[in-house]
N, C-alpha and C. Protein backbone atom coordinates (compact mmCIF):
# COMPACT_ATOMS: atom_id res chain seq x y z
N MET A 1 218.82 -36.27 169.78
CA MET A 1 217.78 -35.77 168.85
C MET A 1 217.53 -33.95 168.44
N GLY A 2 217.73 -33.65 167.66
CA GLY A 2 217.25 -32.07 167.55
C GLY A 2 216.18 -31.73 168.07
N VAL A 3 216.40 -30.20 167.89
CA VAL A 3 215.27 -29.68 168.60
C VAL A 3 214.59 -28.61 167.31
N ALA A 4 213.19 -28.64 167.20
CA ALA A 4 212.70 -27.92 166.37
C ALA A 4 212.69 -26.65 165.93
N ARG A 5 212.96 -25.85 165.01
CA ARG A 5 213.37 -24.42 165.12
C ARG A 5 212.12 -23.96 165.50
N SER A 6 211.79 -22.52 165.85
CA SER A 6 210.63 -21.82 165.99
C SER A 6 209.86 -22.00 164.71
N GLY A 7 208.84 -22.33 164.78
CA GLY A 7 207.67 -22.14 163.48
C GLY A 7 207.22 -23.67 162.98
N GLU A 8 208.24 -24.19 163.05
CA GLU A 8 208.27 -25.59 162.91
C GLU A 8 207.16 -26.72 163.27
N ALA A 9 206.64 -27.41 162.45
CA ALA A 9 205.50 -28.62 162.89
C ALA A 9 206.50 -29.61 163.52
N THR A 10 205.88 -29.99 164.86
CA THR A 10 206.49 -30.64 165.75
C THR A 10 206.61 -32.14 165.12
N THR A 11 207.29 -33.34 165.63
CA THR A 11 207.06 -34.30 165.02
C THR A 11 206.65 -35.60 166.68
N GLY A 12 206.24 -36.96 166.06
CA GLY A 12 205.65 -37.81 166.82
C GLY A 12 206.84 -37.81 168.22
N ARG A 13 207.62 -37.44 168.09
CA ARG A 13 209.27 -37.97 168.76
C ARG A 13 209.18 -36.84 169.86
N GLU A 14 208.58 -35.90 169.33
CA GLU A 14 208.73 -34.40 170.70
C GLU A 14 207.94 -34.69 171.94
N PRO A 15 208.80 -34.27 173.01
CA PRO A 15 208.50 -34.51 174.42
C PRO A 15 207.22 -33.95 174.37
N GLY A 16 206.24 -34.89 175.28
CA GLY A 16 204.99 -34.79 175.43
C GLY A 16 204.47 -33.24 175.81
N ALA A 17 205.30 -32.61 176.74
CA ALA A 17 205.00 -31.29 177.62
C ALA A 17 205.24 -30.34 176.38
N ARG A 18 206.14 -30.60 175.68
CA ARG A 18 206.40 -29.51 174.84
C ARG A 18 205.19 -29.59 173.77
N ARG A 19 204.71 -30.78 173.19
CA ARG A 19 203.44 -30.75 172.13
C ARG A 19 202.52 -30.27 172.94
N GLY A 20 202.16 -30.61 174.11
CA GLY A 20 201.00 -30.10 174.93
C GLY A 20 200.91 -28.44 174.85
N ARG A 21 202.17 -27.77 175.38
CA ARG A 21 201.98 -26.57 175.20
C ARG A 21 201.91 -25.90 173.99
N ARG A 22 202.56 -26.49 172.93
CA ARG A 22 202.27 -25.91 171.39
C ARG A 22 200.69 -26.23 171.12
N ASP A 23 200.55 -27.59 171.69
CA ASP A 23 198.64 -27.35 171.36
C ASP A 23 197.83 -26.20 172.21
N GLN A 24 198.28 -26.01 173.45
CA GLN A 24 197.48 -25.16 174.22
C GLN A 24 197.66 -23.83 173.76
N LEU A 25 198.76 -23.64 173.43
CA LEU A 25 199.05 -21.88 172.60
C LEU A 25 198.23 -21.94 171.21
N LEU A 26 198.37 -22.98 170.31
CA LEU A 26 197.62 -23.18 169.18
C LEU A 26 195.75 -22.71 169.55
N GLU A 27 195.60 -23.15 170.57
CA GLU A 27 193.92 -23.68 170.87
C GLU A 27 193.66 -21.81 171.30
N VAL A 28 194.72 -21.31 172.22
CA VAL A 28 194.31 -20.21 172.95
C VAL A 28 194.06 -18.97 171.62
N ALA A 29 195.62 -19.02 170.92
CA ALA A 29 195.16 -18.41 169.57
C ALA A 29 194.31 -18.41 169.04
N ALA A 30 193.74 -19.81 168.40
CA ALA A 30 192.64 -19.65 167.78
C ALA A 30 191.39 -19.01 168.41
N GLY A 31 191.03 -19.23 169.48
CA GLY A 31 190.14 -18.18 170.30
C GLY A 31 190.38 -17.07 170.21
N LEU A 32 191.07 -16.29 170.45
CA LEU A 32 191.37 -15.12 170.47
C LEU A 32 191.39 -14.45 169.12
N PHE A 33 192.18 -15.32 168.03
CA PHE A 33 191.70 -14.52 166.44
C PHE A 33 190.18 -14.90 166.22
N ALA A 34 189.70 -15.56 166.49
CA ALA A 34 187.96 -15.78 166.38
C ALA A 34 187.19 -14.72 167.19
N THR A 35 187.58 -14.51 168.46
CA THR A 35 186.65 -13.49 169.15
C THR A 35 187.18 -12.21 169.43
N LYS A 36 188.83 -11.72 168.80
CA LYS A 36 188.98 -10.55 169.03
C LYS A 36 189.41 -10.30 167.77
N GLY A 37 190.02 -10.67 167.08
CA GLY A 37 189.92 -10.51 165.69
C GLY A 37 191.94 -10.86 165.33
N TYR A 38 192.00 -11.50 164.33
CA TYR A 38 193.67 -11.56 164.27
C TYR A 38 194.40 -10.61 164.41
N ALA A 39 194.46 -9.27 163.88
CA ALA A 39 195.14 -7.75 163.52
C ALA A 39 195.35 -7.52 165.07
N GLU A 40 193.97 -7.40 165.84
CA GLU A 40 194.11 -7.05 166.86
C GLU A 40 194.74 -8.15 167.94
N THR A 41 195.16 -9.09 167.76
CA THR A 41 195.73 -9.90 168.91
C THR A 41 197.02 -9.96 169.06
N THR A 42 197.31 -9.72 169.97
CA THR A 42 199.11 -9.88 170.06
C THR A 42 199.67 -11.01 170.68
N MET A 43 200.83 -11.13 170.49
CA MET A 43 201.63 -12.31 170.86
C MET A 43 201.34 -12.40 172.40
N ARG A 44 201.62 -11.32 172.96
CA ARG A 44 201.24 -10.62 174.49
C ARG A 44 199.77 -11.33 174.97
N ASP A 45 199.06 -11.05 174.29
CA ASP A 45 197.71 -11.72 174.56
C ASP A 45 197.71 -13.37 175.14
N ILE A 46 198.20 -13.81 173.66
CA ILE A 46 198.35 -14.79 173.50
C ILE A 46 199.01 -15.66 174.89
N ALA A 47 200.00 -14.87 175.01
CA ALA A 47 200.57 -15.07 176.46
C ALA A 47 200.13 -15.34 177.54
N ASP A 48 199.29 -14.12 177.67
CA ASP A 48 198.85 -13.97 179.16
C ASP A 48 197.58 -14.98 179.40
N ALA A 49 196.60 -15.10 178.23
CA ALA A 49 195.85 -15.79 178.35
C ALA A 49 196.12 -17.49 178.53
N THR A 50 197.12 -18.04 178.27
CA THR A 50 197.98 -18.78 178.24
C THR A 50 198.74 -19.29 179.77
N GLY A 51 198.82 -18.14 180.19
CA GLY A 51 199.37 -17.89 181.57
C GLY A 51 201.31 -18.16 181.57
N ILE A 52 201.87 -17.61 180.46
CA ILE A 52 203.44 -17.63 179.94
C ILE A 52 203.88 -16.85 179.88
N LEU A 53 205.05 -16.26 180.17
CA LEU A 53 205.69 -15.04 179.47
C LEU A 53 206.04 -15.20 177.92
N ALA A 54 205.30 -13.75 177.58
CA ALA A 54 205.85 -13.59 175.77
C ALA A 54 206.58 -14.18 175.22
N GLY A 55 207.30 -14.14 175.74
CA GLY A 55 208.86 -14.62 174.65
C GLY A 55 208.88 -16.26 174.98
N SER A 56 208.26 -16.47 175.93
CA SER A 56 208.51 -18.10 175.74
C SER A 56 207.27 -19.02 174.69
N ILE A 57 206.57 -17.91 173.80
CA ILE A 57 205.69 -18.53 172.68
C ILE A 57 206.77 -18.48 171.81
N TYR A 58 207.94 -17.85 171.05
CA TYR A 58 209.15 -18.12 170.45
C TYR A 58 209.81 -19.74 170.57
N HIS A 59 209.76 -20.03 171.58
CA HIS A 59 210.24 -21.06 171.75
C HIS A 59 209.47 -22.18 171.01
N HIS A 60 208.09 -22.22 170.79
CA HIS A 60 206.95 -23.23 169.95
C HIS A 60 207.02 -22.54 168.42
N PHE A 61 206.86 -21.13 168.22
CA PHE A 61 206.35 -20.63 166.99
C PHE A 61 207.04 -19.41 166.94
N SER A 62 207.54 -19.45 165.59
CA SER A 62 208.15 -17.97 165.13
C SER A 62 207.37 -16.64 165.15
N SER A 63 206.32 -16.45 165.23
CA SER A 63 205.45 -15.89 164.67
C SER A 63 203.67 -16.01 164.77
N LYS A 64 203.23 -14.70 165.04
CA LYS A 64 201.72 -14.99 165.37
C LYS A 64 201.17 -15.53 163.94
N GLU A 65 201.67 -15.34 162.49
CA GLU A 65 201.25 -15.52 161.39
C GLU A 65 201.42 -17.01 161.54
N ALA A 66 202.70 -17.74 162.00
CA ALA A 66 203.01 -18.86 161.73
C ALA A 66 202.15 -19.95 162.94
N MET A 67 201.10 -19.20 163.91
CA MET A 67 200.30 -19.88 164.42
C MET A 67 198.99 -19.64 163.66
N LEU A 68 198.57 -19.24 163.03
CA LEU A 68 197.58 -18.77 162.12
C LEU A 68 197.85 -19.71 161.24
N ASP A 69 198.65 -19.77 160.43
CA ASP A 69 198.84 -20.74 158.89
C ASP A 69 198.93 -21.88 159.76
N GLU A 70 199.21 -22.55 161.04
CA GLU A 70 198.89 -24.00 161.15
C GLU A 70 198.07 -24.29 161.64
N PHE A 71 196.98 -23.66 162.31
CA PHE A 71 195.58 -24.21 162.59
C PHE A 71 194.52 -23.85 161.25
N LEU A 72 195.12 -22.77 160.75
CA LEU A 72 193.97 -22.44 159.24
C LEU A 72 194.12 -23.40 158.30
N ARG A 73 195.68 -23.90 158.01
CA ARG A 73 195.84 -24.73 156.73
C ARG A 73 195.50 -26.24 157.37
N GLY A 74 195.53 -26.22 158.35
CA GLY A 74 194.73 -27.74 158.65
C GLY A 74 193.91 -28.20 158.41
N PHE A 75 193.12 -26.82 158.79
CA PHE A 75 191.57 -27.24 158.85
C PHE A 75 191.04 -26.87 157.33
N LEU A 76 191.95 -26.26 156.63
CA LEU A 76 191.37 -26.07 155.29
C LEU A 76 191.51 -27.38 154.28
N VAL A 77 192.68 -28.02 154.47
CA VAL A 77 192.96 -29.02 153.92
C VAL A 77 192.10 -30.50 154.19
N ASP A 78 191.94 -30.34 155.72
CA ASP A 78 190.91 -31.69 155.73
C ASP A 78 189.74 -31.26 155.40
N LEU A 79 188.99 -29.91 155.57
CA LEU A 79 187.76 -29.81 154.97
C LEU A 79 187.63 -30.02 153.22
N HIS A 80 188.28 -29.87 152.91
CA HIS A 80 188.54 -30.24 151.15
C HIS A 80 188.66 -31.67 150.91
N GLU A 81 189.42 -32.37 151.84
CA GLU A 81 189.79 -33.79 151.42
C GLU A 81 188.15 -34.36 151.91
N ARG A 82 187.54 -33.61 152.92
CA ARG A 82 186.25 -34.64 153.50
C ARG A 82 185.09 -34.37 151.95
N PHE A 83 185.27 -32.75 151.75
CA PHE A 83 184.35 -32.82 150.73
C PHE A 83 184.64 -33.63 149.17
N SER A 84 186.14 -33.48 149.14
CA SER A 84 186.45 -34.54 148.19
C SER A 84 186.06 -35.96 147.84
N ALA A 85 186.22 -36.67 149.45
CA ALA A 85 185.17 -37.75 149.18
C ALA A 85 184.04 -37.96 149.57
N ALA A 86 183.38 -37.15 149.90
CA ALA A 86 181.80 -37.13 149.66
C ALA A 86 181.50 -37.46 148.40
N GLU A 87 182.30 -36.26 147.41
CA GLU A 87 182.05 -36.14 145.98
C GLU A 87 182.29 -37.64 145.10
N ARG A 88 183.69 -38.19 145.45
CA ARG A 88 183.73 -39.46 144.89
C ARG A 88 183.07 -40.59 145.41
N LYS A 89 182.06 -40.55 146.18
CA LYS A 89 181.22 -41.75 146.56
C LYS A 89 180.77 -41.77 145.18
N ASN A 90 180.18 -41.05 144.12
CA ASN A 90 179.29 -41.07 143.48
C ASN A 90 177.96 -41.23 143.54
N ALA A 91 177.10 -41.02 144.84
CA ALA A 91 176.11 -41.15 145.20
C ALA A 91 174.73 -40.34 144.42
N ASP A 92 173.83 -40.43 144.96
CA ASP A 92 172.52 -39.66 144.23
C ASP A 92 172.97 -38.14 144.82
N PRO A 93 172.94 -37.36 143.74
CA PRO A 93 173.40 -35.90 144.21
C PRO A 93 172.71 -35.46 145.24
N GLN A 94 171.34 -35.54 146.05
CA GLN A 94 170.92 -35.05 146.86
C GLN A 94 171.33 -35.45 148.39
N GLU A 95 172.04 -37.20 148.29
CA GLU A 95 172.46 -37.60 149.02
C GLU A 95 173.83 -37.21 149.26
N THR A 96 174.44 -36.39 148.47
CA THR A 96 175.84 -36.00 148.30
C THR A 96 175.75 -34.58 148.88
N LEU A 97 174.72 -33.98 148.37
CA LEU A 97 174.59 -32.33 148.98
C LEU A 97 174.48 -32.52 150.48
N SER A 98 173.45 -33.36 150.89
CA SER A 98 173.46 -33.55 152.26
C SER A 98 174.34 -34.17 153.38
N GLU A 99 175.62 -34.98 152.32
CA GLU A 99 176.64 -35.02 153.14
C GLU A 99 177.40 -33.80 153.26
N LEU A 100 177.48 -33.10 152.22
CA LEU A 100 178.53 -31.74 152.20
C LEU A 100 177.91 -30.74 153.10
N ILE A 101 176.62 -30.92 153.56
CA ILE A 101 176.05 -29.94 154.41
C ILE A 101 176.70 -30.59 156.04
N ARG A 102 176.58 -31.87 155.98
CA ARG A 102 176.28 -32.44 157.21
C ARG A 102 177.98 -32.18 157.69
N ILE A 103 179.06 -32.58 156.55
CA ILE A 103 180.38 -32.15 156.87
C ILE A 103 180.65 -30.95 157.39
N SER A 104 179.62 -29.67 156.79
CA SER A 104 180.03 -28.52 157.36
C SER A 104 179.31 -28.12 158.60
N PHE A 105 178.34 -28.74 159.13
CA PHE A 105 177.84 -28.61 160.43
C PHE A 105 178.91 -29.18 161.37
N SER A 106 179.34 -30.33 161.15
CA SER A 106 180.26 -30.90 161.94
C SER A 106 181.71 -30.24 161.99
N CYS A 107 181.92 -29.29 161.41
CA CYS A 107 183.18 -28.44 161.83
C CYS A 107 183.12 -27.54 162.49
N ILE A 108 181.91 -26.93 162.26
CA ILE A 108 181.39 -25.81 163.20
C ILE A 108 180.90 -26.06 164.54
N HIS A 109 180.83 -27.56 164.78
CA HIS A 109 180.68 -28.46 166.00
C HIS A 109 182.14 -28.81 166.67
N ASP A 110 183.16 -29.19 165.63
CA ASP A 110 184.43 -29.48 166.20
C ASP A 110 185.35 -28.51 166.12
N SER A 111 185.51 -27.60 165.20
CA SER A 111 186.42 -26.31 165.07
C SER A 111 185.73 -25.02 164.93
N PRO A 112 185.17 -24.80 166.16
CA PRO A 112 184.23 -23.51 165.91
C PRO A 112 185.30 -22.48 165.24
N HIS A 113 186.56 -22.54 166.12
CA HIS A 113 187.37 -21.15 166.12
C HIS A 113 188.02 -21.00 164.84
N ALA A 114 188.35 -22.17 164.20
CA ALA A 114 188.67 -22.19 162.70
C ALA A 114 187.64 -21.74 161.76
N VAL A 115 186.53 -22.03 162.01
CA VAL A 115 185.57 -21.87 161.15
C VAL A 115 185.22 -20.13 161.15
N ALA A 116 185.26 -19.70 162.46
CA ALA A 116 185.03 -18.02 162.52
C ALA A 116 186.05 -17.73 162.22
N VAL A 117 187.50 -18.19 162.35
CA VAL A 117 188.86 -17.37 161.89
C VAL A 117 188.28 -17.09 159.99
N TYR A 118 188.31 -18.53 159.55
CA TYR A 118 188.43 -18.29 158.12
C TYR A 118 187.00 -17.61 157.45
N GLN A 119 185.57 -17.33 158.27
CA GLN A 119 184.78 -16.72 157.90
C GLN A 119 185.10 -14.87 158.11
N ASN A 120 185.75 -14.80 159.17
CA ASN A 120 186.20 -13.54 159.24
C ASN A 120 187.18 -12.69 158.63
N GLU A 121 188.17 -13.59 158.43
CA GLU A 121 189.48 -13.13 157.96
C GLU A 121 189.95 -13.75 156.54
N SER A 122 189.14 -14.46 155.82
CA SER A 122 189.50 -14.98 154.52
C SER A 122 189.86 -14.09 153.43
N ALA A 123 188.76 -12.90 153.64
CA ALA A 123 188.80 -11.53 152.73
C ALA A 123 190.22 -11.21 152.63
N ASN A 124 190.87 -10.67 153.75
CA ASN A 124 191.98 -9.81 153.89
C ASN A 124 193.45 -11.10 153.53
N LEU A 125 193.03 -12.04 154.33
CA LEU A 125 194.14 -13.30 154.05
C LEU A 125 194.30 -13.90 152.83
N LYS A 126 193.46 -13.90 151.78
CA LYS A 126 193.86 -14.60 150.51
C LYS A 126 194.58 -13.70 149.80
N ARG A 127 194.79 -12.04 150.00
CA ARG A 127 195.41 -11.00 149.62
C ARG A 127 196.85 -11.30 149.80
N GLN A 128 196.87 -11.89 151.00
CA GLN A 128 198.58 -12.07 151.34
C GLN A 128 199.26 -13.27 150.65
N GLU A 129 200.16 -12.88 150.33
CA GLU A 129 201.43 -14.09 149.60
C GLU A 129 201.33 -15.51 150.47
N ALA A 130 201.45 -15.11 151.52
CA ALA A 130 201.78 -16.63 152.63
C ALA A 130 200.42 -17.23 152.79
N PHE A 131 199.40 -16.56 152.46
CA PHE A 131 198.06 -17.11 152.65
C PHE A 131 197.16 -17.44 151.38
N ALA A 132 197.64 -17.35 150.41
CA ALA A 132 197.26 -17.29 149.06
C ALA A 132 196.64 -18.82 149.06
N TYR A 133 196.80 -19.79 149.91
CA TYR A 133 196.04 -21.11 149.71
C TYR A 133 194.49 -20.80 149.88
N VAL A 134 194.66 -19.88 151.18
CA VAL A 134 193.24 -19.44 151.60
C VAL A 134 191.91 -19.40 150.56
N GLY A 135 192.49 -18.59 149.51
CA GLY A 135 191.31 -18.39 148.72
C GLY A 135 191.49 -19.95 147.46
N ASP A 136 192.46 -20.22 147.23
CA ASP A 136 192.72 -21.27 146.25
C ASP A 136 191.80 -22.92 147.29
N TYR A 137 191.86 -22.97 148.38
CA TYR A 137 191.02 -24.06 148.90
C TYR A 137 189.51 -23.45 148.73
N GLY A 138 189.30 -22.50 148.71
CA GLY A 138 187.95 -21.81 149.01
C GLY A 138 187.30 -22.14 147.45
N ALA A 139 188.16 -21.85 146.54
CA ALA A 139 187.92 -21.89 145.33
C ALA A 139 187.59 -23.49 144.78
N ARG A 140 188.35 -24.32 145.40
CA ARG A 140 188.03 -25.63 145.18
C ARG A 140 187.18 -26.43 145.51
N SER A 141 186.88 -25.77 147.20
CA SER A 141 185.63 -26.52 147.67
C SER A 141 184.34 -26.09 146.80
N GLU A 142 184.12 -24.78 146.56
CA GLU A 142 183.38 -24.18 145.71
C GLU A 142 182.89 -24.95 144.32
N GLN A 143 184.15 -25.64 143.80
CA GLN A 143 183.48 -26.40 142.71
C GLN A 143 182.87 -27.40 142.96
N ILE A 144 183.26 -28.02 144.08
CA ILE A 144 182.69 -29.27 144.78
C ILE A 144 181.27 -29.21 144.69
N TRP A 145 181.20 -28.27 145.34
CA TRP A 145 179.24 -27.70 145.47
C TRP A 145 178.63 -27.63 144.38
N LEU A 146 179.14 -26.95 143.24
CA LEU A 146 178.88 -26.23 142.33
C LEU A 146 178.63 -27.85 141.28
N ARG A 147 179.47 -28.78 141.16
CA ARG A 147 179.33 -29.80 140.18
C ARG A 147 178.17 -30.62 141.14
N VAL A 148 177.97 -30.66 142.41
CA VAL A 148 177.21 -31.63 142.80
C VAL A 148 175.68 -30.90 142.77
N LEU A 149 175.39 -29.67 142.49
CA LEU A 149 174.40 -29.06 142.22
C LEU A 149 173.99 -28.70 141.16
N THR A 150 174.99 -28.72 139.97
CA THR A 150 174.68 -29.09 138.69
C THR A 150 174.10 -31.03 138.60
N ALA A 151 174.85 -31.46 138.91
CA ALA A 151 174.60 -33.06 138.82
C ALA A 151 172.93 -33.31 139.43
N GLY A 152 172.79 -32.42 140.38
CA GLY A 152 171.23 -32.70 140.94
C GLY A 152 170.47 -31.90 139.94
N GLN A 153 170.69 -30.83 139.30
CA GLN A 153 169.94 -30.36 138.31
C GLN A 153 169.64 -31.49 136.78
N GLU A 154 171.02 -31.94 136.47
CA GLU A 154 170.93 -33.03 135.44
C GLU A 154 170.12 -34.27 135.50
N ALA A 155 169.75 -34.56 137.21
CA ALA A 155 168.89 -35.93 137.58
C ALA A 155 167.50 -35.65 138.29
N GLY A 156 167.64 -34.20 137.80
CA GLY A 156 165.96 -33.67 138.00
C GLY A 156 165.55 -33.39 139.56
N VAL A 157 166.48 -33.40 140.66
CA VAL A 157 166.51 -33.42 141.98
C VAL A 157 166.51 -31.43 142.29
N VAL A 158 166.94 -31.33 141.58
CA VAL A 158 167.20 -29.65 141.57
C VAL A 158 166.64 -29.14 140.55
N ARG A 159 165.83 -27.98 140.67
CA ARG A 159 165.28 -27.18 140.15
C ARG A 159 165.94 -26.46 139.03
N PRO A 160 165.35 -26.90 137.64
CA PRO A 160 166.33 -26.50 136.78
C PRO A 160 166.67 -24.72 136.33
N ASP A 161 165.73 -24.06 137.05
CA ASP A 161 165.79 -22.55 136.72
C ASP A 161 166.77 -22.01 137.31
N LEU A 162 166.91 -22.60 138.33
CA LEU A 162 168.09 -21.97 139.57
C LEU A 162 169.58 -21.95 139.19
N ASP A 163 170.06 -20.89 139.19
CA ASP A 163 171.33 -20.70 139.32
C ASP A 163 172.28 -21.06 139.90
N VAL A 164 173.22 -22.05 139.87
CA VAL A 164 173.68 -23.21 140.56
C VAL A 164 174.45 -22.32 141.61
N LYS A 165 175.19 -21.17 141.10
CA LYS A 165 176.40 -20.25 141.84
C LYS A 165 175.44 -19.57 143.43
N VAL A 166 174.33 -19.30 142.72
CA VAL A 166 173.58 -17.99 143.76
C VAL A 166 172.91 -19.39 144.56
N ALA A 167 172.31 -20.70 144.16
CA ALA A 167 171.96 -21.78 144.98
C ALA A 167 173.27 -21.72 146.16
N TYR A 168 174.23 -22.14 145.32
CA TYR A 168 175.39 -22.40 146.48
C TYR A 168 175.71 -21.47 147.43
N LEU A 169 175.55 -20.25 147.06
CA LEU A 169 176.00 -19.00 147.76
C LEU A 169 175.01 -19.17 149.06
N PHE A 170 173.66 -19.17 148.92
CA PHE A 170 172.65 -19.22 149.60
C PHE A 170 172.91 -20.28 150.81
N ILE A 171 173.39 -21.43 150.19
CA ILE A 171 173.35 -22.56 151.25
C ILE A 171 174.73 -22.44 152.29
N ARG A 172 175.67 -22.13 151.32
CA ARG A 172 176.93 -21.84 152.31
C ARG A 172 176.81 -20.77 153.26
N ASP A 173 176.30 -19.84 153.04
CA ASP A 173 176.20 -18.49 153.88
C ASP A 173 175.43 -19.15 155.11
N ALA A 174 174.09 -19.67 155.06
CA ALA A 174 173.56 -20.04 155.97
C ALA A 174 174.15 -21.32 156.61
N VAL A 175 174.76 -22.31 156.33
CA VAL A 175 175.14 -23.18 157.36
C VAL A 175 176.08 -22.75 157.92
N TRP A 176 177.32 -21.87 157.30
CA TRP A 176 178.58 -21.22 157.85
C TRP A 176 178.07 -20.42 159.09
N SER A 177 177.18 -19.49 158.75
CA SER A 177 176.64 -18.51 159.52
C SER A 177 176.53 -19.08 161.06
N ALA A 178 175.90 -20.44 160.85
CA ALA A 178 175.64 -20.96 162.30
C ALA A 178 176.64 -20.88 163.54
N VAL A 179 177.91 -20.74 163.02
CA VAL A 179 179.02 -20.82 163.76
C VAL A 179 178.67 -19.73 164.73
N HIS A 180 178.11 -18.56 164.66
CA HIS A 180 177.49 -17.65 165.65
C HIS A 180 176.62 -18.12 166.56
N TRP A 181 176.27 -18.79 166.62
CA TRP A 181 175.11 -19.12 167.52
C TRP A 181 174.79 -20.54 167.67
N TYR A 182 175.43 -21.60 167.40
CA TYR A 182 175.33 -22.93 167.55
C TYR A 182 176.55 -22.92 168.80
N ARG A 183 176.27 -23.55 169.73
CA ARG A 183 177.03 -24.00 170.76
C ARG A 183 176.97 -25.39 171.25
N PRO A 184 178.20 -25.89 171.05
CA PRO A 184 178.17 -27.42 171.22
C PRO A 184 177.83 -27.62 172.72
N GLY A 185 177.13 -28.86 173.06
CA GLY A 185 176.25 -29.02 174.26
C GLY A 185 175.34 -28.36 175.08
N GLY A 186 175.19 -27.27 174.00
CA GLY A 186 173.58 -26.64 173.81
C GLY A 186 172.47 -27.17 173.95
N GLN A 187 171.45 -26.94 173.76
CA GLN A 187 169.64 -27.32 173.82
C GLN A 187 170.14 -28.41 172.50
N LEU A 188 170.45 -27.99 171.50
CA LEU A 188 170.29 -28.20 170.21
C LEU A 188 171.49 -29.00 169.67
N SER A 189 170.91 -30.55 169.46
CA SER A 189 172.49 -31.13 168.98
C SER A 189 172.72 -31.14 167.83
N LEU A 190 174.11 -31.35 167.40
CA LEU A 190 174.81 -31.02 165.86
C LEU A 190 173.39 -31.73 165.00
N GLU A 191 173.27 -33.07 165.31
CA GLU A 191 172.80 -33.60 164.52
C GLU A 191 171.15 -33.01 164.12
N THR A 192 170.54 -32.60 165.16
CA THR A 192 169.25 -31.98 165.33
C THR A 192 169.38 -30.44 164.25
N VAL A 193 170.12 -29.63 164.73
CA VAL A 193 170.61 -28.67 163.60
C VAL A 193 170.55 -28.89 162.43
N ALA A 194 171.46 -29.72 161.99
CA ALA A 194 171.69 -30.31 160.66
C ALA A 194 170.17 -30.86 159.69
N ASP A 195 169.66 -31.78 160.81
CA ASP A 195 168.22 -32.46 160.22
C ASP A 195 167.19 -31.33 160.20
N GLN A 196 167.25 -30.19 160.79
CA GLN A 196 166.36 -29.19 160.51
C GLN A 196 166.30 -28.06 159.26
N TYR A 197 167.91 -28.06 159.06
CA TYR A 197 168.56 -26.76 158.05
C TYR A 197 168.12 -28.22 156.69
N LEU A 198 168.66 -28.93 156.86
CA LEU A 198 168.08 -29.99 155.72
C LEU A 198 166.50 -30.10 155.13
N ASP A 199 165.26 -30.16 156.49
CA ASP A 199 164.34 -30.32 156.17
C ASP A 199 163.54 -29.04 155.42
N LEU A 200 164.19 -27.93 155.91
CA LEU A 200 164.25 -26.85 155.25
C LEU A 200 164.38 -26.57 154.03
N LEU A 201 165.63 -26.92 153.90
CA LEU A 201 166.52 -26.65 152.41
C LEU A 201 165.15 -27.95 151.40
N TYR A 202 164.73 -28.73 151.77
CA TYR A 202 164.03 -29.91 150.63
C TYR A 202 162.89 -29.88 151.15
N GLY A 203 162.39 -29.09 152.21
CA GLY A 203 160.98 -29.37 152.31
C GLY A 203 160.24 -27.73 152.33
N GLY A 204 160.92 -26.90 152.69
CA GLY A 204 160.42 -25.45 152.50
C GLY A 204 160.03 -24.89 153.98
N LEU A 205 159.66 -23.90 154.44
CA LEU A 205 159.20 -23.29 155.35
C LEU A 205 157.73 -23.48 155.62
N PHE A 206 156.88 -23.30 154.44
CA PHE A 206 155.14 -23.67 154.58
C PHE A 206 154.95 -24.94 153.91
């Protein structure tokens, strides 16, 4: 059996210990990228946090860029697929909007580091050729939200005087900024946070 080259994705046949180390490195790297910043994090930082020699990382990944690409691309692909699936159900626009919002909160719960990295780094990353897909997936996901909001206006459930792009930006930033304060296992459950947000969105504060 051949050995995967540095930076390549692993296969299901790869020895469990190697896959476990690779997953551990990705998890640690994602946490450091999210809290310290991608540019400020070094391969030595990742190695020290994992408890291995810095050179050992290169048995699993060719570079820091390869590590970022692997977990960020996976996150964006999965997010877009979930948004697309919600839209394809052709449900009532308000139900679809609610599902898009719940999907977003579930990502904050399940993948907080990926969400934080995307929020913090996307403006710089999408200007780099290797990460051009970051801007592409962002634009494709935005179009889903805009279509749903427009369908809501046509159905009479979203105010017709609102600019759907502005409405989308308010909703997007309010939801994704929760990654900075929401903590899995904290006082508020994921469902409670999503429910309260939707109550505010549809019912107002007063």
